[in-house]
Amino acid sequence: MNNMATSKNPASQSSEMTDAPKNPQMSNPSKTENSMENSIFPETQQSAEIGAATQPKPSRPNAKQRKLDLEDYRTAFFAPIKLGKDNKHQVAISNDTFERVDKIARIFGGSGYSVSSFVEHIINEHLDGNADNYGSWFAIISKSF
């Protein structure tokens, strides 16, 4: 927890950022400081040390899991979408973005799959994933006007 009321002299803070001893009384007896204040944020430091020790190393997914992930990705983003004549709009994207999207759409969706279907899936996924946030974000934006 950050205690804003606690004052520190600049020398004690700079020693935290270098390899200087943590106990300033040992290196400079003329300066006095509470020994409880050896760290700028002691609680944060302790919790970070505990968190680093308890986090397991991420394991690489096996071939079966990667194949399942690919199938899930294809199901989510490469189901064909038919847009009717009166149910579509043009959207401009850069040539670089189009080339990237086109390559992915052709490889994962097959030769008959369209870029517009892939882009439709991407946009819907983004909108659905952020739907819960939009109400509160609209409120924040409207307060700024």
C-alpha atoms as a PDB file:
ATOM      1  CA  MET A   1       0.000   0.000   0.000  1.00  0.00           C
ATOM      2  CA  ASN A   2       1.356   3.443  -0.893  1.00  0.00           C
ATOM      3  CA  ASN A   3       1.364   5.768   2.116  1.00  0.00           C
ATOM      4  CA  MET A   4       1.417   9.270   0.671  1.00  0.00           C
ATOM      5  CA  ALA A   5       1.753  10.880   4.140  1.00  0.00           C
ATOM      6  CA  THR A   6       5.151   9.278   4.728  1.00  0.00           C
ATOM      7  CA  SER A   7       7.930  11.626   3.708  1.00  0.00           C
ATOM      8  CA  LYS A   8      11.291  10.423   2.514  1.00  0.00           C
ATOM      9  CA  ASN A   9      14.406  12.292   1.787  1.00  0.00           C
ATOM     10  CA  PRO A  10      15.618  12.029  -1.824  1.00  0.00           C
ATOM     11  CA  ALA A  11      18.785  10.195  -0.796  1.00  0.00           C
ATOM     12  CA  SER A  12      16.821   7.243   0.557  1.00  0.00           C
ATOM     13  CA  GLN A  13      14.744   6.986  -2.620  1.00  0.00           C
ATOM     14  CA  SER A  14      17.755   7.102  -4.916  1.00  0.00           C
ATOM     15  CA  SER A  15      19.442   4.295  -2.970  1.00  0.00           C
ATOM     16  CA  GLU A  16      16.500   2.048  -3.890  1.00  0.00           C
ATOM     17  CA  MET A  17      17.175   2.653  -7.568  1.00  0.00           C
ATOM     18  CA  THR A  18      20.870   1.743  -7.328  1.00  0.00           C
ATOM     19  CA  ASP A  19      22.900  -0.987  -5.722  1.00  0.00           C
ATOM     20  CA  ALA A  20      23.469   1.112  -2.577  1.00  0.00           C
ATOM     21  CA  PRO A  21      22.927  -0.641   0.763  1.00  0.00           C
ATOM     22  CA  LYS A  22      19.311  -0.759   1.895  1.00  0.00           C
ATOM     23  CA  ASN A  23      20.208   0.389   5.404  1.00  0.00           C
ATOM     24  CA  PRO A  24      21.522   3.969   5.135  1.00  0.00           C
ATOM     25  CA  GLN A  25      22.654   3.986   8.806  1.00  0.00           C
ATOM     26  CA  MET A  26      25.321   1.409   7.911  1.00  0.00           C
ATOM     27  CA  SER A  27      26.796   3.452   5.076  1.00  0.00           C
ATOM     28  CA  ASN A  28      26.196   6.954   6.439  1.00  0.00           C
ATOM     29  CA  PRO A  29      25.562   7.135  10.191  1.00  0.00           C
ATOM     30  CA  SER A  30      24.812  10.881  10.048  1.00  0.00           C
ATOM     31  CA  LYS A  31      21.546  10.261   8.206  1.00  0.00           C
ATOM     32  CA  THR A  32      18.704   8.780  10.202  1.00  0.00           C
ATOM     33  CA  GLU A  33      15.767   6.967   8.738  1.00  0.00           C
ATOM     34  CA  ASN A  34      13.120   4.623  10.025  1.00  0.00           C
ATOM     35  CA  SER A  35      14.240   1.048   9.263  1.00  0.00           C
ATOM     36  CA  MET A  36      10.653   0.195   8.269  1.00  0.00           C
ATOM     37  CA  GLU A  37      11.045   2.440   5.231  1.00  0.00           C
ATOM     38  CA  ASN A  38      13.713   0.486   3.369  1.00  0.00           C
ATOM     39  CA  SER A  39      11.476   0.161   0.333  1.00  0.00           C
ATOM     40  CA  ILE A  40       9.405   2.853  -1.310  1.00  0.00           C
ATOM     41  CA  PHE A  41       6.420   0.493  -1.567  1.00  0.00           C
ATOM     42  CA  PRO A  42       7.170  -2.423   0.811  1.00  0.00           C
ATOM     43  CA  GLU A  43       3.798  -4.166   0.422  1.00  0.00           C
ATOM     44  CA  THR A  44       4.001  -3.996  -3.357  1.00  0.00           C
ATOM     45  CA  GLN A  45       7.552  -5.334  -3.306  1.00  0.00           C
ATOM     46  CA  GLN A  46       6.578  -8.282  -1.097  1.00  0.00           C
ATOM     47  CA  SER A  47       3.513  -9.177  -3.188  1.00  0.00           C
ATOM     48  CA  ALA A  48       5.533  -8.948  -6.412  1.00  0.00           C
ATOM     49  CA  GLU A  49       8.142 -11.328  -4.984  1.00  0.00           C
ATOM     50  CA  ILE A  50       5.435 -13.781  -3.900  1.00  0.00           C
ATOM     51  CA  GLY A  51       3.634 -13.513  -7.260  1.00  0.00           C
ATOM     52  CA  ALA A  52       6.816 -14.153  -9.221  1.00  0.00           C
ATOM     53  CA  ALA A  53       7.571 -17.241  -7.171  1.00  0.00           C
ATOM     54  CA  THR A  54       4.087 -18.776  -7.539  1.00  0.00           C
ATOM     55  CA  GLN A  55       3.472 -18.243 -11.261  1.00  0.00           C
ATOM     56  CA  PRO A  56       3.930 -21.452 -13.237  1.00  0.00           C
ATOM     57  CA  LYS A  57       5.903 -21.364 -16.462  1.00  0.00           C
ATOM     58  CA  PRO A  58       3.602 -21.370 -19.488  1.00  0.00           C
ATOM     59  CA  SER A  59       3.786 -24.676 -21.275  1.00  0.00           C
ATOM     60  CA  ARG A  60       3.810 -25.036 -25.034  1.00  0.00           C
ATOM     61  CA  PRO A  61       0.555 -26.541 -26.313  1.00  0.00           C
ATOM     62  CA  ASN A  62       0.916 -30.004 -27.788  1.00  0.00           C
ATOM     63  CA  ALA A  63       0.056 -30.839 -31.412  1.00  0.00           C
ATOM     64  CA  LYS A  64      -3.446 -32.025 -30.522  1.00  0.00           C
ATOM     65  CA  GLN A  65      -4.221 -28.778 -28.666  1.00  0.00           C
ATOM     66  CA  ARG A  66      -2.862 -26.648 -31.529  1.00  0.00           C
ATOM     67  CA  LYS A  67      -5.078 -28.558 -33.976  1.00  0.00           C
ATOM     68  CA  LEU A  68      -8.121 -28.009 -31.732  1.00  0.00           C
ATOM     69  CA  ASP A  69      -7.245 -24.309 -31.467  1.00  0.00           C
ATOM     70  CA  LEU A  70      -7.046 -24.082 -35.264  1.00  0.00           C
ATOM     71  CA  GLU A  71     -10.444 -25.750 -35.633  1.00  0.00           C
ATOM     72  CA  ASP A  72     -11.943 -23.366 -33.055  1.00  0.00           C
ATOM     73  CA  TYR A  73     -10.421 -20.416 -34.917  1.00  0.00           C
ATOM     74  CA  ARG A  74     -11.760 -21.624 -38.257  1.00  0.00           C
ATOM     75  CA  THR A  75     -15.213 -22.183 -36.774  1.00  0.00           C
ATOM     76  CA  ALA A  76     -15.255 -18.711 -35.229  1.00  0.00           C
ATOM     77  CA  PHE A  77     -13.851 -16.716 -38.148  1.00  0.00           C
ATOM     78  CA  PHE A  78     -14.277 -18.670 -41.364  1.00  0.00           C
ATOM     79  CA  ALA A  79     -17.914 -19.687 -41.555  1.00  0.00           C
ATOM     80  CA  PRO A  80     -19.235 -18.264 -44.840  1.00  0.00           C
ATOM     81  CA  ILE A  81     -21.364 -15.145 -44.559  1.00  0.00           C
ATOM     82  CA  LYS A  82     -23.717 -14.162 -47.351  1.00  0.00           C
ATOM     83  CA  LEU A  83     -24.475 -10.469 -47.405  1.00  0.00           C
ATOM     84  CA  GLY A  84     -27.485  -9.481 -49.460  1.00  0.00           C
ATOM     85  CA  LYS A  85     -27.514  -6.676 -51.970  1.00  0.00           C
ATOM     86  CA  ASP A  86     -29.258  -4.321 -49.540  1.00  0.00           C
ATOM     87  CA  ASN A  87     -27.364  -5.526 -46.467  1.00  0.00           C
ATOM     88  CA  LYS A  88     -23.765  -4.390 -47.045  1.00  0.00           C
ATOM     89  CA  HIS A  89     -21.506  -1.341 -47.056  1.00  0.00           C
ATOM     90  CA  GLN A  90     -18.074  -0.590 -48.403  1.00  0.00           C
ATOM     91  CA  VAL A  91     -15.231   0.000 -45.984  1.00  0.00           C
ATOM     92  CA  ALA A  92     -11.804   1.292 -46.949  1.00  0.00           C
ATOM     93  CA  ILE A  93      -8.661  -0.326 -45.545  1.00  0.00           C
ATOM     94  CA  SER A  94      -5.030   0.167 -46.480  1.00  0.00           C
ATOM     95  CA  ASN A  95      -3.380  -2.021 -49.102  1.00  0.00           C
ATOM     96  CA  ASP A  96      -1.049  -3.495 -46.469  1.00  0.00           C
ATOM     97  CA  THR A  97      -3.955  -4.473 -44.222  1.00  0.00           C
ATOM     98  CA  PHE A  98      -5.864  -5.906 -47.163  1.00  0.00           C
ATOM     99  CA  GLU A  99      -2.885  -8.047 -48.198  1.00  0.00           C
ATOM    100  CA  ARG A 100      -2.529  -9.437 -44.670  1.00  0.00           C
ATOM    101  CA  VAL A 101      -6.248 -10.151 -44.337  1.00  0.00           C
ATOM    102  CA  ASP A 102      -6.436 -11.609 -47.851  1.00  0.00           C
ATOM    103  CA  LYS A 103      -3.551 -14.003 -47.182  1.00  0.00           C
ATOM    104  CA  ILE A 104      -5.115 -15.266 -43.947  1.00  0.00           C
ATOM    105  CA  ALA A 105      -8.577 -15.551 -45.503  1.00  0.00           C
ATOM    106  CA  ARG A 106      -7.272 -17.558 -48.469  1.00  0.00           C
ATOM    107  CA  ILE A 107      -5.090 -19.900 -46.386  1.00  0.00           C
ATOM    108  CA  PHE A 108      -7.492 -20.623 -43.535  1.00  0.00           C
ATOM    109  CA  GLY A 109     -10.794 -20.126 -45.323  1.00  0.00           C
ATOM    110  CA  GLY A 110      -9.960 -21.796 -48.601  1.00  0.00           C
ATOM    111  CA  SER A 111      -9.891 -20.521 -52.162  1.00  0.00           C
ATOM    112  CA  GLY A 112     -13.602 -19.632 -52.257  1.00  0.00           C
ATOM    113  CA  TYR A 113     -13.594 -17.716 -48.987  1.00  0.00           C
ATOM    114  CA  SER A 114     -13.910 -13.940 -49.188  1.00  0.00           C
ATOM    115  CA  VAL A 115     -12.037 -11.218 -47.384  1.00  0.00           C
ATOM    116  CA  SER A 116     -15.326  -9.476 -46.608  1.00  0.00           C
ATOM    117  CA  SER A 117     -16.598 -12.537 -44.696  1.00  0.00           C
ATOM    118  CA  PHE A 118     -13.405 -12.669 -42.647  1.00  0.00           C
ATOM    119  CA  VAL A 119     -13.564  -8.931 -41.903  1.00  0.00           C
ATOM    120  CA  GLU A 120     -17.256  -9.294 -40.939  1.00  0.00           C
ATOM    121  CA  HIS A 121     -16.293 -12.009 -38.416  1.00  0.00           C
ATOM    122  CA  ILE A 122     -13.422  -9.939 -37.001  1.00  0.00           C
ATOM    123  CA  ILE A 123     -15.601  -6.870 -36.506  1.00  0.00           C
ATOM    124  CA  ASN A 124     -18.432  -8.871 -34.926  1.00  0.00           C
ATOM    125  CA  GLU A 125     -15.987 -10.612 -32.574  1.00  0.00           C
ATOM    126  CA  HIS A 126     -14.576  -7.238 -31.525  1.00  0.00           C
ATOM    127  CA  LEU A 127     -18.006  -5.690 -31.001  1.00  0.00           C
ATOM    128  CA  ASP A 128     -19.326  -8.710 -29.078  1.00  0.00           C
ATOM    129  CA  GLY A 129     -16.194  -8.886 -26.935  1.00  0.00           C
ATOM    130  CA  ASN A 130     -16.534  -5.246 -25.879  1.00  0.00           C
ATOM    131  CA  ALA A 131     -20.338  -5.043 -25.663  1.00  0.00           C
ATOM    132  CA  ASP A 132     -20.337  -4.954 -21.851  1.00  0.00           C
ATOM    133  CA  ASN A 133     -17.957  -1.979 -21.848  1.00  0.00           C
ATOM    134  CA  TYR A 134     -19.717   0.221 -24.380  1.00  0.00           C
ATOM    135  CA  GLY A 135     -22.426   1.497 -21.995  1.00  0.00           C
ATOM    136  CA  SER A 136     -19.955   2.732 -19.399  1.00  0.00           C
ATOM    137  CA  TRP A 137     -17.607   4.089 -22.077  1.00  0.00           C
ATOM    138  CA  PHE A 138     -20.460   6.039 -23.694  1.00  0.00           C
ATOM    139  CA  ALA A 139     -21.254   7.539 -20.274  1.00  0.00           C
ATOM    140  CA  ILE A 140     -17.615   8.609 -19.818  1.00  0.00           C
ATOM    141  CA  ILE A 141     -17.461  10.160 -23.283  1.00  0.00           C
ATOM    142  CA  SER A 142     -20.786  11.970 -22.904  1.00  0.00           C
ATOM    143  CA  LYS A 143     -19.598  13.582 -19.643  1.00  0.00           C
ATOM    144  CA  SER A 144     -16.665  15.131 -21.494  1.00  0.00           C
ATOM    145  CA  PHE A 145     -18.908  17.100 -23.846  1.00  0.00           C
END
